[in-house]
Amino acid sequence: MPELSDHWRARNAAAASLVLGEERMQRAVQQATVAELVELLETFSPARSSGPEWTRSFEPLIERLWAWRDDATMASLAEVFRLRGMPWMAVANALAREHGARIRAELKHPAWARLPSFATA
């Protein structure tokens, strides 16, 4: 049976890997064009993916987009999906300015933290 110290080392390695993955994703999102972000969001088509896995993955992505991108980019994304009509309303609503304001107001980023305390992992 592994020692407790082995479990602790494995936990620390996993935590460090998660932080590096978040930082890498943040840089990629910040450098992405609107077209590239649209392409990413298209993978969340309600017609192709539904159920809890869609929400479990989509909500954290939306939260990060609102944390890492500016209002102009988010408005452009919202407009793209709003123009697509009803099948894309869930995506358009998540990109709406009001929703983004709520997300940004709820995000906590302590001075000592490398990343914000995202509500959804």
Protein backbone atom coordinates (compact mmCIF):
# COMPACT_ATOMS: atom_id res chain seq x y z
CA MET A 1 0.00 0.00 0.00
CA PRO A 2 1.45 3.39 -0.94
CA GLU A 3 2.62 5.65 1.84
CA LEU A 4 0.66 8.79 2.62
CA SER A 5 3.60 10.79 1.33
CA ASP A 6 3.21 9.05 -2.07
CA HIS A 7 -0.43 10.11 -2.21
CA TRP A 8 0.56 13.66 -1.28
CA ARG A 9 3.20 13.80 -4.04
CA ALA A 10 0.65 12.50 -6.58
CA ARG A 11 -1.86 15.11 -5.43
CA ASN A 12 0.70 17.91 -5.77
CA ALA A 13 1.69 16.72 -9.25
CA ALA A 14 -1.96 16.68 -10.34
CA ALA A 15 -2.56 20.17 -8.91
CA ALA A 16 0.52 21.57 -10.66
CA SER A 17 -0.56 19.98 -13.93
CA LEU A 18 -4.02 21.53 -13.64
CA VAL A 19 -2.58 25.00 -13.02
CA LEU A 20 -0.25 24.67 -16.02
CA GLY A 21 -3.17 23.51 -18.18
CA GLU A 22 -5.29 26.48 -17.09
CA GLU A 23 -2.47 28.92 -17.82
CA ARG A 24 -1.89 27.37 -21.23
CA MET A 25 -5.60 27.57 -22.04
CA GLN A 26 -5.71 31.18 -20.86
CA ARG A 27 -2.89 32.17 -23.21
CA ALA A 28 -4.57 30.32 -26.11
CA VAL A 29 -7.94 31.97 -25.45
CA GLN A 30 -6.36 35.42 -25.15
CA GLN A 31 -4.53 34.97 -28.46
CA ALA A 32 -7.44 33.40 -30.36
CA THR A 33 -9.35 35.31 -33.00
CA VAL A 34 -13.12 35.66 -32.85
CA ALA A 35 -13.37 33.10 -35.66
CA GLU A 36 -11.29 30.61 -33.66
CA LEU A 37 -13.44 31.15 -30.57
CA VAL A 38 -16.59 30.67 -32.68
CA GLU A 39 -15.14 27.39 -33.93
CA LEU A 40 -14.52 26.27 -30.36
CA LEU A 41 -18.02 27.26 -29.25
CA GLU A 42 -19.54 25.44 -32.25
CA THR A 43 -18.48 22.18 -30.63
CA PHE A 44 -21.20 22.93 -28.06
CA SER A 45 -24.03 22.78 -30.57
CA PRO A 46 -27.15 21.84 -28.62
CA ALA A 47 -28.09 19.58 -31.57
CA ARG A 48 -24.87 17.59 -31.23
CA SER A 49 -24.38 17.56 -27.50
CA SER A 50 -26.87 17.62 -24.70
CA GLY A 51 -27.29 16.54 -21.14
CA PRO A 52 -25.09 17.01 -18.11
CA GLU A 53 -21.78 16.61 -19.94
CA TRP A 54 -22.62 19.62 -22.14
CA THR A 55 -23.27 21.77 -19.06
CA ARG A 56 -20.33 20.35 -17.12
CA SER A 57 -17.97 21.39 -19.91
CA PHE A 58 -19.72 24.44 -21.39
CA GLU A 59 -20.24 26.49 -18.22
CA PRO A 60 -16.56 26.41 -17.18
CA LEU A 61 -15.55 27.46 -20.70
CA ILE A 62 -17.99 30.39 -20.68
CA GLU A 63 -16.73 31.46 -17.27
CA ARG A 64 -13.16 31.47 -18.53
CA LEU A 65 -14.05 33.35 -21.70
CA TRP A 66 -15.64 36.10 -19.60
CA ALA A 67 -12.58 36.20 -17.33
CA TRP A 68 -9.99 36.18 -20.09
CA ARG A 69 -11.50 38.19 -22.98
CA ASP A 70 -12.64 41.79 -23.36
CA ASP A 71 -16.18 43.06 -23.79
CA ALA A 72 -15.78 43.74 -27.51
CA THR A 73 -14.75 40.15 -28.23
CA MET A 74 -17.58 38.78 -26.12
CA ALA A 75 -20.09 41.06 -27.87
CA SER A 76 -18.86 39.83 -31.26
CA LEU A 77 -19.26 36.23 -30.16
CA ALA A 78 -22.74 36.90 -28.78
CA GLU A 79 -23.82 38.49 -32.04
CA VAL A 80 -22.59 35.53 -34.12
CA PHE A 81 -24.64 33.08 -32.09
CA ARG A 82 -27.66 35.35 -31.68
CA LEU A 83 -27.94 35.59 -35.46
CA ARG A 84 -28.03 31.79 -35.71
CA GLY A 85 -31.43 31.72 -34.08
CA MET A 86 -33.18 29.45 -31.62
CA PRO A 87 -30.92 26.38 -31.83
CA TRP A 88 -28.06 28.54 -30.54
CA MET A 89 -29.92 30.61 -27.93
CA ALA A 90 -28.30 28.82 -24.98
CA VAL A 91 -24.89 29.79 -26.33
CA ALA A 92 -25.99 33.33 -27.20
CA ASN A 93 -27.49 33.81 -23.72
CA ALA A 94 -24.27 32.65 -22.07
CA LEU A 95 -22.43 35.27 -24.13
CA ALA A 96 -24.90 38.05 -23.27
CA ARG A 97 -23.44 41.09 -21.53
CA GLU A 98 -25.73 40.65 -18.50
CA HIS A 99 -24.59 37.07 -17.98
CA GLY A 100 -20.96 38.13 -18.30
CA ALA A 101 -21.44 40.90 -15.73
CA ARG A 102 -22.78 38.34 -13.24
CA ILE A 103 -19.87 36.00 -13.88
CA ARG A 104 -17.28 38.75 -13.53
CA ALA A 105 -18.91 40.01 -10.32
CA GLU A 106 -18.80 36.53 -8.79
CA LEU A 107 -15.19 35.74 -9.75
CA LYS A 108 -12.77 36.08 -6.89
CA HIS A 109 -9.09 36.57 -7.54
CA PRO A 110 -7.15 36.89 -4.30
CA ALA A 111 -3.89 38.81 -4.63
CA TRP A 112 -1.90 35.68 -3.82
CA ALA A 113 -3.67 33.45 -6.38
CA ARG A 114 -2.23 32.63 -9.78
CA LEU A 115 -5.72 32.12 -11.19
CA PRO A 116 -9.21 33.26 -10.21
CA SER A 117 -11.32 30.97 -8.07
CA PHE A 118 -13.56 29.73 -10.86
CA ALA A 119 -16.97 28.59 -9.67
CA THR A 120 -17.09 25.72 -12.14
CA ALA A 121 -14.09 23.51 -12.65
